[in-house]
Structure formats: structure tokens, C-alpha cells
């Protein structure tokens, strides 16, 4: 008799159901993970609200969720580690391993990448998922299940800071105090930044940025913030006005990393050229999960403090609506078990 599990499925925008489906079994080189926590990402909310993000469009019901932790429950053929019972943070992507990008180490840019909760790939609002064994990263007991799930967005911040070459004594400007912005702030501080300023139009979010270690906060509607020019910009919104403010804050030869996803923005080419700015895009991450786990385990990044609500699988829709209903919400966590 086939074992069954419960999954939360987005049938169409603003309509979720909980279904019973077969428990997935791992194939060669894979592990089955019993899911313990899934933190909600802005992309999950975008699919719930609109059924799409840019060119990624839902054409069929979709299981959301990709920020995932759990316990290895079954090993596929040929897998020796991680062992059954190991607590893991799931890196939610599977690449081909053969294309030019994979061979060059940029597996996150693989044209055949399969990423959780990106149509048509199912996500982890489920009791069990199957992933390549190499994408189930062991986590220490010092990390809670919630924190282990949030290694995924932390990996985004670690990857962005690496692209920016954020280091000791840097002056950093983080645009946006949502979850990714707060993580970029903490990673910059952990890497030794001398001063980190955070911009957000919402007063509550600016207050949160101060709680998480910002040296200064900026209301973008208040005019010239009077900040010294910065060496690094981490733009986490994808919103035109925020991009404009972030670029204006740069010193000559600064690096601006575009982290936030937007439909289309323009850059002031005269400023980019006259200051010889380095502008970089960033897409997800690669090779950073071990570093993100070590950083979280060190206590330099406060993941648990970012969790503002918990929900069971039947409450997955409430988790997606948490930010809309509660202005103080940062991270909602679904616990499928």
C-alpha cells in the first residue's frame, strides 16, 4: 500500500487547498526529508497574489515553499550521507551538472535548473520532499528547525555580500528592510562593515533594522539623508525609486548589487559612468550553504528573532497572508509535521 502525505496546494491565485498525495520515494543519489519547517518567502506570496513572478507563470496547481528544513528519513540507492536521522537545511535546487554553467561552477545559472516552488516544480508545503543528497546540508543542534529553514534566504544574502566583496571597514547601504534586507544587513555587519545604513519607507521596518544592528536608517521620502557616500549598495527591493536612491548614495568606484527582483528598472548611466560604479546582478546562490550555516551557528545572524508566526499545514494560506494582515510580520513559518 502506498504511503500518503498531506500537501498544501495553490490551485489558483488566492485559493489554496490541502490534498493527500503519495509520499515521494528517493531515487539513486537522493534522500527523502521529513519536513519540519518552511519559512514563507516573498516569492510564495507573489504566486499566491498574482500566479506569476516575471517570466515564471503558474499554468497548473502548484505546491509552494522552498525555504525548508527537516530530517533525513530515507536514503536512495548509493547514498551513505547524510544518514537517516540527520537534521538538514534543504538547498531547493537541482541542476543538470553537464552544461557550461554547471561545469564552470555556476550551477544556479543552469538553464535546466529545477527550483522548488518555481513552476512547474513543486515546493515543500508538504510532509515529505525528495532532494539530491548533496543538497541536504547537515545543521548543528545549535540551530532550531526555523533557523535551519531560513538558511535559504540567508544564502541569498551571503551570495550577494560575496558578489559585492563586502569586507572590513566598508560603508554599506542596504535598500529595503524586508526579510532579505535585514539578512543583508546582518551579513554585512558579520563581515566587518564599518557602517551599515538601511532605507525603507515604512517606519516599523526602519525600527526593525535598528534592532538588527543598523547604524543608521533612512526614510526615502524625507529627502537627502545626509549620509556619507558608501562603498557597497545591496538593493533588495527591485523598485525604481529605491534603486535611484541607492545609486545616488554611492561613492566613486563603489559596487552596487541588485538583489531584489523587479519587472524592469532603469539606471542613471551618467552616474554609473562618472563614478565608475560596478553594477552586478545576483540570482539565488551557489556554493554558499555551508558558509551560511556556519554564520548562523556562530550567532552572528539572528534568524529565530525574525520569525513572527507559526502555522500548521492547514494554516499555510494564513502564513501567506501574514504580512498583509500584520504590519509587524517578518517571517511566517509553516510546520507541515
Foldseek 3Di string as FASTA:
>chain_A
DFDKWWAWKQFAAQDIDIDIDGADDEAPQKFKFQWFKFWDDPVLLCCNHPQAAAPQHDPGIAGDTALTKGFTAGDHPPDDPPDGGFTFGFPFKDADCPDPCNVVQNRLPHPPMAGDRGPPHHHDSIRMDMDRRVRTHGFDPLDDRQRSSCLQLLQLLVQQCVVQVQAAQFEEEEEDQAQSSLSNLLVSVVRHHPAYEYEDQDPLSQVVSVVSPHPYYDNLVPPDPPDAAGQEYEYAAQDQSSQAVRLVSHAQQHEYEDRHGYNDYDDPVVSCVVSVYHYYYDDRHGPCSVVSSVCVSVVSGDRVVLEDEEEESVCVSVQSCVVVVDVNHRIYMYGDD
